[in-house]
All heavy atoms as atom14 arrays in JSON, in Angstrom:
{
  "sequence": "LALLMFPHGRLRGRDRKLKPVPLPTINGSMAFAATIVVFGLF",
  "atom14_mask": [
    [1, 1, 1, 1, 1, 1, 1, 1, 0, 0, 0, 0, 0, 0],
    [1, 1, 1, 1, 1, 0, 0, 0, 0, 0, 0, 0, 0, 0],
    [1, 1, 1, 1, 1, 1, 1, 1, 0, 0, 0, 0, 0, 0],
    [1, 1, 1, 1, 1, 1, 1, 1, 0, 0, 0, 0, 0, 0],
    [1, 1, 1, 1, 1, 1, 1, 1, 0, 0, 0, 0, 0, 0],
    [1, 1, 1, 1, 1, 1, 1, 1, 1, 1, 1, 0, 0, 0],
    [1, 1, 1, 1, 1, 1, 1, 0, 0, 0, 0, 0, 0, 0],
    [1, 1, 1, 1, 1, 1, 1, 1, 1, 1, 0, 0, 0, 0],
    [1, 1, 1, 1, 0, 0, 0, 0, 0, 0, 0, 0, 0, 0],
    [1, 1, 1, 1, 1, 1, 1, 1, 1, 1, 1, 0, 0, 0],
    [1, 1, 1, 1, 1, 1, 1, 1, 0, 0, 0, 0, 0, 0],
    [1, 1, 1, 1, 1, 1, 1, 1, 1, 1, 1, 0, 0, 0],
    [1, 1, 1, 1, 0, 0, 0, 0, 0, 0, 0, 0, 0, 0],
    [1, 1, 1, 1, 1, 1, 1, 1, 1, 1, 1, 0, 0, 0],
    [1, 1, 1, 1, 1, 1, 1, 1, 0, 0, 0, 0, 0, 0],
    [1, 1, 1, 1, 1, 1, 1, 1, 1, 1, 1, 0, 0, 0],
    [1, 1, 1, 1, 1, 1, 1, 1, 1, 0, 0, 0, 0, 0],
    [1, 1, 1, 1, 1, 1, 1, 1, 0, 0, 0, 0, 0, 0],
    [1, 1, 1, 1, 1, 1, 1, 1, 1, 0, 0, 0, 0, 0],
    [1, 1, 1, 1, 1, 1, 1, 0, 0, 0, 0, 0, 0, 0],
    [1, 1, 1, 1, 1, 1, 1, 0, 0, 0, 0, 0, 0, 0],
    [1, 1, 1, 1, 1, 1, 1, 0, 0, 0, 0, 0, 0, 0],
    [1, 1, 1, 1, 1, 1, 1, 1, 0, 0, 0, 0, 0, 0],
    [1, 1, 1, 1, 1, 1, 1, 0, 0, 0, 0, 0, 0, 0],
    [1, 1, 1, 1, 1, 1, 1, 0, 0, 0, 0, 0, 0, 0],
    [1, 1, 1, 1, 1, 1, 1, 1, 0, 0, 0, 0, 0, 0],
    [1, 1, 1, 1, 1, 1, 1, 1, 0, 0, 0, 0, 0, 0],
    [1, 1, 1, 1, 0, 0, 0, 0, 0, 0, 0, 0, 0, 0],
    [1, 1, 1, 1, 1, 1, 0, 0, 0, 0, 0, 0, 0, 0],
    [1, 1, 1, 1, 1, 1, 1, 1, 0, 0, 0, 0, 0, 0],
    [1, 1, 1, 1, 1, 0, 0, 0, 0, 0, 0, 0, 0, 0],
    [1, 1, 1, 1, 1, 1, 1, 1, 1, 1, 1, 0, 0, 0],
    [1, 1, 1, 1, 1, 0, 0, 0, 0, 0, 0, 0, 0, 0],
    [1, 1, 1, 1, 1, 0, 0, 0, 0, 0, 0, 0, 0, 0],
    [1, 1, 1, 1, 1, 1, 1, 0, 0, 0, 0, 0, 0, 0],
    [1, 1, 1, 1, 1, 1, 1, 1, 0, 0, 0, 0, 0, 0],
    [1, 1, 1, 1, 1, 1, 1, 0, 0, 0, 0, 0, 0, 0],
    [1, 1, 1, 1, 1, 1, 1, 0, 0, 0, 0, 0, 0, 0],
    [1, 1, 1, 1, 1, 1, 1, 1, 1, 1, 1, 0, 0, 0],
    [1, 1, 1, 1, 0, 0, 0, 0, 0, 0, 0, 0, 0, 0],
    [1, 1, 1, 1, 1, 1, 1, 1, 0, 0, 0, 0, 0, 0],
    [1, 1, 1, 1, 1, 1, 1, 1, 1, 1, 1, 0, 0, 0]
  ],
  "atom14_positions": [
    [[0.8, -1.22, 0.04], [-0.01, -0.05, -0.02], [0.87, 1.26, -0.02], [0.51, 2.24, -0.72], [-0.88, 0.0, 1.19], [-2.04, -1.17, 1.28], [-2.83, -1.03, 2.59], [-3.01, -0.93, 0.02], [0.0, 0.0, 0.0], [0.0, 0.0, 0.0], [0.0, 0.0, 0.0], [0.0, 0.0, 0.0], [0.0, 0.0, 0.0], [0.0, 0.0, 0.0]],
    [[1.94, 1.22, 0.65], [2.87, 2.33, 0.74], [3.39, 2.63, -0.56], [3.56, 3.78, -1.15], [4.02, 2.16, 1.83], [0.0, 0.0, 0.0], [0.0, 0.0, 0.0], [0.0, 0.0, 0.0], [0.0, 0.0, 0.0], [0.0, 0.0, 0.0], [0.0, 0.0, 0.0], [0.0, 0.0, 0.0], [0.0, 0.0, 0.0], [0.0, 0.0, 0.0]],
    [[3.81, 1.63, -1.35], [4.38, 1.84, -2.71], [3.3, 2.37, -3.63], [3.58, 3.18, -4.53], [4.95, 0.44, -3.23], [6.07, -0.03, -2.53], [6.54, -1.43, -3.06], [7.33, 0.94, -2.7], [0.0, 0.0, 0.0], [0.0, 0.0, 0.0], [0.0, 0.0, 0.0], [0.0, 0.0, 0.0], [0.0, 0.0, 0.0], [0.0, 0.0, 0.0]],
    [[1.98, 1.88, -3.52], [0.9, 2.49, -4.22], [0.75, 3.91, -4.14], [0.39, 4.59, -5.01], [-0.38, 1.71, -3.99], [-0.43, 0.26, -4.63], [-1.65, -0.44, -4.23], [-0.42, 0.32, -6.1], [0.0, 0.0, 0.0], [0.0, 0.0, 0.0], [0.0, 0.0, 0.0], [0.0, 0.0, 0.0], [0.0, 0.0, 0.0], [0.0, 0.0, 0.0]],
    [[0.9, 4.33, -2.73], [0.57, 5.76, -2.47], [1.7, 6.69, -2.86], [1.38, 7.79, -3.14], [0.28, 5.86, -1.0], [-0.95, 5.31, -0.41], [-1.29, 5.58, 1.18], [0.03, 4.78, 2.03], [0.0, 0.0, 0.0], [0.0, 0.0, 0.0], [0.0, 0.0, 0.0], [0.0, 0.0, 0.0], [0.0, 0.0, 0.0], [0.0, 0.0, 0.0]],
    [[2.91, 6.26, -3.0], [3.92, 7.06, -3.46], [3.92, 7.44, -4.86], [3.7, 6.6, -5.76], [5.32, 6.33, -3.15], [5.76, 6.22, -1.79], [6.69, 5.42, -1.37], [4.97, 6.89, -0.73], [7.0, 5.25, 0.08], [5.29, 6.94, 0.53], [6.43, 6.02, 0.98], [0.0, 0.0, 0.0], [0.0, 0.0, 0.0], [0.0, 0.0, 0.0]],
    [[4.34, 8.61, -5.21], [4.16, 9.11, -6.64], [5.38, 8.44, -7.38], [6.33, 8.09, -6.71], [4.38, 10.51, -6.55], [5.06, 10.87, -5.24], [4.52, 9.86, -4.31], [0.0, 0.0, 0.0], [0.0, 0.0, 0.0], [0.0, 0.0, 0.0], [0.0, 0.0, 0.0], [0.0, 0.0, 0.0], [0.0, 0.0, 0.0], [0.0, 0.0, 0.0]],
    [[5.22, 8.45, -8.74], [6.21, 7.78, -9.59], [7.56, 8.58, -9.37], [7.6, 9.82, -9.35], [5.74, 7.89, -10.98], [6.76, 7.3, -11.93], [7.03, 6.01, -12.09], [7.61, 7.93, -12.74], [7.98, 5.85, -13.12], [8.36, 7.03, -13.37], [0.0, 0.0, 0.0], [0.0, 0.0, 0.0], [0.0, 0.0, 0.0], [0.0, 0.0, 0.0]],
    [[8.58, 7.71, -9.23], [9.95, 8.25, -9.32], [10.65, 8.64, -7.99], [11.77, 8.96, -7.75], [0.0, 0.0, 0.0], [0.0, 0.0, 0.0], [0.0, 0.0, 0.0], [0.0, 0.0, 0.0], [0.0, 0.0, 0.0], [0.0, 0.0, 0.0], [0.0, 0.0, 0.0], [0.0, 0.0, 0.0], [0.0, 0.0, 0.0], [0.0, 0.0, 0.0]],
    [[9.81, 8.57, -6.77], [10.31, 8.98, -5.55], [11.29, 7.99, -4.98], [12.07, 8.44, -4.02], [9.06, 9.12, -4.54], [8.17, 10.1, -4.85], [8.89, 11.59, -4.95], [9.46, 11.93, -3.75], [8.83, 12.7, -2.86], [7.63, 13.19, -3.14], [9.55, 13.13, -1.78], [0.0, 0.0, 0.0], [0.0, 0.0, 0.0], [0.0, 0.0, 0.0]],
    [[11.31, 6.83, -5.46], [12.37, 5.89, -4.87], [13.51, 5.72, -5.85], [14.26, 4.73, -5.65], [11.65, 4.5, -4.62], [10.58, 4.53, -3.66], [10.01, 3.18, -3.37], [11.05, 5.24, -2.3], [0.0, 0.0, 0.0], [0.0, 0.0, 0.0], [0.0, 0.0, 0.0], [0.0, 0.0, 0.0], [0.0, 0.0, 0.0], [0.0, 0.0, 0.0]],
    [[13.74, 6.55, -6.84], [14.71, 6.38, -7.75], [16.11, 6.68, -7.09], [16.24, 7.64, -6.46], [14.56, 7.37, -8.93], [15.58, 7.13, -10.07], [15.48, 8.37, -11.1], [14.24, 8.07, -11.9], [13.34, 9.09, -11.86], [13.35, 10.11, -11.31], [12.26, 8.79, -12.64], [0.0, 0.0, 0.0], [0.0, 0.0, 0.0], [0.0, 0.0, 0.0]],
    [[17.05, 5.82, -7.48], [18.43, 6.03, -6.97], [19.04, 7.1, -7.67], [18.84, 7.35, -8.99], [0.0, 0.0, 0.0], [0.0, 0.0, 0.0], [0.0, 0.0, 0.0], [0.0, 0.0, 0.0], [0.0, 0.0, 0.0], [0.0, 0.0, 0.0], [0.0, 0.0, 0.0], [0.0, 0.0, 0.0], [0.0, 0.0, 0.0], [0.0, 0.0, 0.0]],
    [[19.95, 7.91, -6.98], [20.46, 9.11, -7.56], [21.5, 8.75, -8.76], [21.82, 9.49, -9.54], [21.18, 9.96, -6.62], [22.38, 9.28, -5.94], [22.83, 9.99, -4.79], [24.05, 9.35, -4.28], [24.01, 8.25, -3.76], [22.95, 7.49, -3.58], [25.14, 7.61, -3.23], [0.0, 0.0, 0.0], [0.0, 0.0, 0.0], [0.0, 0.0, 0.0]],
    [[22.16, 7.6, -8.68], [23.2, 7.23, -9.59], [22.6, 6.08, -10.55], [23.31, 5.26, -10.95], [24.39, 6.57, -8.8], [25.11, 7.68, -8.1], [25.04, 8.81, -8.49], [25.81, 7.32, -7.07], [0.0, 0.0, 0.0], [0.0, 0.0, 0.0], [0.0, 0.0, 0.0], [0.0, 0.0, 0.0], [0.0, 0.0, 0.0], [0.0, 0.0, 0.0]],
    [[21.44, 6.19, -10.85], [20.67, 5.2, -11.68], [21.3, 5.06, -12.98], [21.5, 6.02, -13.68], [19.21, 5.53, -11.8], [18.45, 4.44, -12.59], [16.92, 4.74, -12.46], [16.22, 3.8, -13.08], [15.63, 4.02, -14.35], [15.72, 5.19, -14.86], [14.92, 3.08, -14.92], [0.0, 0.0, 0.0], [0.0, 0.0, 0.0], [0.0, 0.0, 0.0]],
    [[21.81, 3.86, -13.35], [22.39, 3.7, -14.7], [21.54, 2.6, -15.47], [21.22, 1.56, -14.88], [23.79, 3.22, -14.44], [24.72, 4.12, -13.63], [25.99, 3.75, -13.47], [26.91, 4.67, -12.65], [27.05, 5.94, -13.28], [0.0, 0.0, 0.0], [0.0, 0.0, 0.0], [0.0, 0.0, 0.0], [0.0, 0.0, 0.0], [0.0, 0.0, 0.0]],
    [[21.3, 2.88, -16.68], [20.69, 1.91, -17.52], [21.66, 1.43, -18.52], [22.39, 2.06, -19.22], [19.41, 2.58, -18.18], [18.31, 3.11, -17.29], [17.22, 3.74, -18.19], [17.78, 1.92, -16.59], [0.0, 0.0, 0.0], [0.0, 0.0, 0.0], [0.0, 0.0, 0.0], [0.0, 0.0, 0.0], [0.0, 0.0, 0.0], [0.0, 0.0, 0.0]],
    [[21.68, 0.1, -18.63], [22.45, -0.57, -19.69], [21.72, -1.45, -20.58], [20.75, -1.89, -20.24], [23.53, -1.52, -18.88], [24.56, -0.61, -18.08], [25.66, -1.53, -17.52], [26.63, -0.64, -16.68], [27.84, -1.46, -16.35], [0.0, 0.0, 0.0], [0.0, 0.0, 0.0], [0.0, 0.0, 0.0], [0.0, 0.0, 0.0], [0.0, 0.0, 0.0]],
    [[22.15, -1.4, -21.77], [21.4, -2.18, -22.84], [21.5, -3.64, -22.48], [22.48, -4.23, -22.02], [22.25, -1.81, -24.07], [23.58, -1.49, -23.66], [23.4, -0.76, -22.42], [0.0, 0.0, 0.0], [0.0, 0.0, 0.0], [0.0, 0.0, 0.0], [0.0, 0.0, 0.0], [0.0, 0.0, 0.0], [0.0, 0.0, 0.0], [0.0, 0.0, 0.0]],
    [[20.25, -4.3, -22.65], [20.13, -5.65, -22.34], [19.95, -6.45, -23.69], [19.05, -6.07, -24.57], [18.89, -5.95, -21.45], [18.74, -7.45, -21.21], [19.1, -5.15, -20.19], [0.0, 0.0, 0.0], [0.0, 0.0, 0.0], [0.0, 0.0, 0.0], [0.0, 0.0, 0.0], [0.0, 0.0, 0.0], [0.0, 0.0, 0.0], [0.0, 0.0, 0.0]],
    [[20.63, -7.52, -24.09], [20.6, -8.11, -25.24], [19.31, -8.82, -25.33], [18.87, -9.58, -24.43], [21.77, -9.28, -25.29], [22.16, -9.29, -23.88], [21.88, -8.03, -23.13], [0.0, 0.0, 0.0], [0.0, 0.0, 0.0], [0.0, 0.0, 0.0], [0.0, 0.0, 0.0], [0.0, 0.0, 0.0], [0.0, 0.0, 0.0], [0.0, 0.0, 0.0]],
    [[18.61, -8.68, -26.45], [17.27, -9.4, -26.67], [17.45, -10.76, -27.19], [18.34, -10.84, -28.1], [16.46, -8.42, -27.6], [16.15, -7.04, -27.1], [15.26, -6.4, -28.17], [15.36, -7.06, -25.72], [0.0, 0.0, 0.0], [0.0, 0.0, 0.0], [0.0, 0.0, 0.0], [0.0, 0.0, 0.0], [0.0, 0.0, 0.0], [0.0, 0.0, 0.0]],
    [[16.7, -11.66, -26.85], [16.78, -12.98, -27.51], [16.21, -12.94, -28.81], [15.2, -12.13, -29.21], [15.7, -13.91, -26.45], [14.81, -12.84, -25.89], [15.68, -11.59, -25.78], [0.0, 0.0, 0.0], [0.0, 0.0, 0.0], [0.0, 0.0, 0.0], [0.0, 0.0, 0.0], [0.0, 0.0, 0.0], [0.0, 0.0, 0.0], [0.0, 0.0, 0.0]],
    [[16.76, -13.77, -29.77], [16.32, -13.93, -31.07], [15.37, -14.99, -31.29], [15.19, -15.94, -30.49], [17.63, -14.1, -32.02], [18.14, -15.33, -31.58], [18.64, -13.13, -31.76], [0.0, 0.0, 0.0], [0.0, 0.0, 0.0], [0.0, 0.0, 0.0], [0.0, 0.0, 0.0], [0.0, 0.0, 0.0], [0.0, 0.0, 0.0], [0.0, 0.0, 0.0]],
    [[14.54, -14.89, -32.38], [13.56, -15.91, -32.72], [14.26, -17.34, -32.96], [13.85, -18.3, -32.46], [12.76, -15.48, -34.04], [12.01, -14.24, -33.67], [11.75, -16.59, -34.49], [11.0, -14.33, -32.54], [0.0, 0.0, 0.0], [0.0, 0.0, 0.0], [0.0, 0.0, 0.0], [0.0, 0.0, 0.0], [0.0, 0.0, 0.0], [0.0, 0.0, 0.0]],
    [[15.27, -17.27, -33.65], [16.09, -18.57, -34.01], [16.58, -19.17, -32.75], [16.46, -20.37, -32.65], [17.22, -18.27, -35.01], [16.58, -17.89, -36.37], [15.56, -18.24, -36.72], [17.48, -17.15, -37.19], [0.0, 0.0, 0.0], [0.0, 0.0, 0.0], [0.0, 0.0, 0.0], [0.0, 0.0, 0.0], [0.0, 0.0, 0.0], [0.0, 0.0, 0.0]],
    [[17.18, -18.4, -31.88], [17.76, -18.85, -30.71], [16.63, -19.41, -29.74], [16.86, -20.51, -29.16], [0.0, 0.0, 0.0], [0.0, 0.0, 0.0], [0.0, 0.0, 0.0], [0.0, 0.0, 0.0], [0.0, 0.0, 0.0], [0.0, 0.0, 0.0], [0.0, 0.0, 0.0], [0.0, 0.0, 0.0], [0.0, 0.0, 0.0], [0.0, 0.0, 0.0]],
    [[15.47, -18.79, -29.69], [14.44, -19.24, -28.89], [13.79, -20.58, -29.45], [13.53, -21.38, -28.6], [13.33, -18.17, -28.84], [13.85, -16.94, -28.31], [0.0, 0.0, 0.0], [0.0, 0.0, 0.0], [0.0, 0.0, 0.0], [0.0, 0.0, 0.0], [0.0, 0.0, 0.0], [0.0, 0.0, 0.0], [0.0, 0.0, 0.0], [0.0, 0.0, 0.0]],
    [[13.7, -20.67, -30.66], [13.13, -21.92, -31.36], [14.01, -23.06, -31.14], [13.64, -24.1, -30.83], [12.93, -21.64, -32.86], [11.76, -20.57, -33.13], [10.1, -21.06, -32.46], [9.98, -22.56, -33.47], [0.0, 0.0, 0.0], [0.0, 0.0, 0.0], [0.0, 0.0, 0.0], [0.0, 0.0, 0.0], [0.0, 0.0, 0.0], [0.0, 0.0, 0.0]],
    [[15.37, -22.76, -31.28], [16.37, -23.89, -31.1], [16.27, -24.33, -29.57], [16.38, -25.51, -29.32], [17.76, -23.35, -31.41], [0.0, 0.0, 0.0], [0.0, 0.0, 0.0], [0.0, 0.0, 0.0], [0.0, 0.0, 0.0], [0.0, 0.0, 0.0], [0.0, 0.0, 0.0], [0.0, 0.0, 0.0], [0.0, 0.0, 0.0], [0.0, 0.0, 0.0]],
    [[16.32, -23.33, -28.63], [16.19, -23.85, -27.31], [14.91, -24.53, -26.87], [14.88, -25.56, -26.23], [16.24, -22.52, -26.34], [16.38, -22.79, -25.0], [17.46, -23.38, -24.32], [15.2, -22.38, -24.15], [17.44, -23.64, -22.97], [15.17, -22.72, -22.84], [16.4, -23.28, -22.23], [0.0, 0.0, 0.0], [0.0, 0.0, 0.0], [0.0, 0.0, 0.0]],
    [[13.77, -24.18, -27.58], [12.6, -24.83, -27.22], [12.59, -26.25, -27.88], [12.13, -27.05, -27.16], [11.34, -24.01, -27.95], [0.0, 0.0, 0.0], [0.0, 0.0, 0.0], [0.0, 0.0, 0.0], [0.0, 0.0, 0.0], [0.0, 0.0, 0.0], [0.0, 0.0, 0.0], [0.0, 0.0, 0.0], [0.0, 0.0, 0.0], [0.0, 0.0, 0.0]],
    [[13.17, -26.41, -29.02], [13.22, -27.75, -29.68], [14.12, -28.63, -28.76], [13.9, -29.85, -28.53], [13.75, -27.59, -31.12], [0.0, 0.0, 0.0], [0.0, 0.0, 0.0], [0.0, 0.0, 0.0], [0.0, 0.0, 0.0], [0.0, 0.0, 0.0], [0.0, 0.0, 0.0], [0.0, 0.0, 0.0], [0.0, 0.0, 0.0], [0.0, 0.0, 0.0]],
    [[15.22, -28.03, -28.36], [16.13, -28.83, -27.36], [15.43, -29.32, -26.18], [15.54, -30.52, -25.72], [17.32, -28.02, -27.07], [18.05, -27.61, -28.21], [18.21, -28.74, -26.13], [0.0, 0.0, 0.0], [0.0, 0.0, 0.0], [0.0, 0.0, 0.0], [0.0, 0.0, 0.0], [0.0, 0.0, 0.0], [0.0, 0.0, 0.0], [0.0, 0.0, 0.0]],
    [[14.59, -28.5, -25.58], [13.83, -28.82, -24.24], [12.86, -30.02, -24.7], [12.48, -31.01, -23.85], [13.21, -27.58, -23.71], [14.21, -26.68, -23.16], [12.27, -28.03, -22.66], [15.09, -27.16, -22.2], [0.0, 0.0, 0.0], [0.0, 0.0, 0.0], [0.0, 0.0, 0.0], [0.0, 0.0, 0.0], [0.0, 0.0, 0.0], [0.0, 0.0, 0.0]],
    [[12.21, -29.86, -25.8], [11.12, -30.85, -26.1], [11.92, -32.21, -26.33], [11.36, -33.26, -25.84], [10.32, -30.39, -27.44], [9.49, -31.56, -27.97], [9.54, -29.17, -27.04], [0.0, 0.0, 0.0], [0.0, 0.0, 0.0], [0.0, 0.0, 0.0], [0.0, 0.0, 0.0], [0.0, 0.0, 0.0], [0.0, 0.0, 0.0], [0.0, 0.0, 0.0]],
    [[12.96, -32.17, -27.16], [13.68, -33.41, -27.37], [14.13, -34.16, -26.0], [14.04, -35.22, -25.85], [14.78, -33.26, -28.31], [15.67, -34.46, -28.51], [14.32, -32.87, -29.72], [0.0, 0.0, 0.0], [0.0, 0.0, 0.0], [0.0, 0.0, 0.0], [0.0, 0.0, 0.0], [0.0, 0.0, 0.0], [0.0, 0.0, 0.0], [0.0, 0.0, 0.0]],
    [[14.68, -33.2, -25.27], [15.14, -33.69, -23.87], [14.05, -34.32, -23.08], [14.26, -35.36, -22.49], [15.89, -32.56, -23.19], [16.43, -33.0, -21.84], [17.47, -33.87, -21.83], [15.96, -32.38, -20.63], [18.0, -34.21, -20.57], [16.42, -32.7, -19.42], [17.55, -33.68, -19.37], [0.0, 0.0, 0.0], [0.0, 0.0, 0.0], [0.0, 0.0, 0.0]],
    [[12.83, -33.66, -23.05], [11.68, -34.22, -22.34], [11.23, -35.53, -22.91], [10.83, -36.38, -22.11], [0.0, 0.0, 0.0], [0.0, 0.0, 0.0], [0.0, 0.0, 0.0], [0.0, 0.0, 0.0], [0.0, 0.0, 0.0], [0.0, 0.0, 0.0], [0.0, 0.0, 0.0], [0.0, 0.0, 0.0], [0.0, 0.0, 0.0], [0.0, 0.0, 0.0]],
    [[11.21, -35.73, -24.13], [10.82, -36.9, -24.78], [11.78, -38.17, -24.43], [11.4, -39.14, -24.14], [10.8, -36.85, -26.35], [9.63, -35.95, -26.79], [9.76, -35.83, -28.46], [8.31, -36.44, -26.61], [0.0, 0.0, 0.0], [0.0, 0.0, 0.0], [0.0, 0.0, 0.0], [0.0, 0.0, 0.0], [0.0, 0.0, 0.0], [0.0, 0.0, 0.0]],
    [[13.09, -37.7, -24.33], [14.1, -38.78, -23.98], [13.69, -39.17, -22.44], [13.78, -40.41, -22.18], [15.5, -38.18, -24.05], [16.09, -38.42, -25.43], [16.23, -37.33, -26.35], [16.42, -39.72, -25.89], [16.85, -37.59, -27.56], [17.01, -39.99, -27.12], [17.22, -38.87, -27.95], [0.0, 0.0, 0.0], [0.0, 0.0, 0.0], [0.0, 0.0, 0.0]]
  ]
}
């Protein structure tokens, strides 16, 4: 409830740093999914 009542940004750290996060690719996701399915069947 306390977090709901606080306005946006009041808990922001003063040295906040944002770094790029690598996004997963479609091909990589499909390959990983197929590996899991095959492993499950085994």
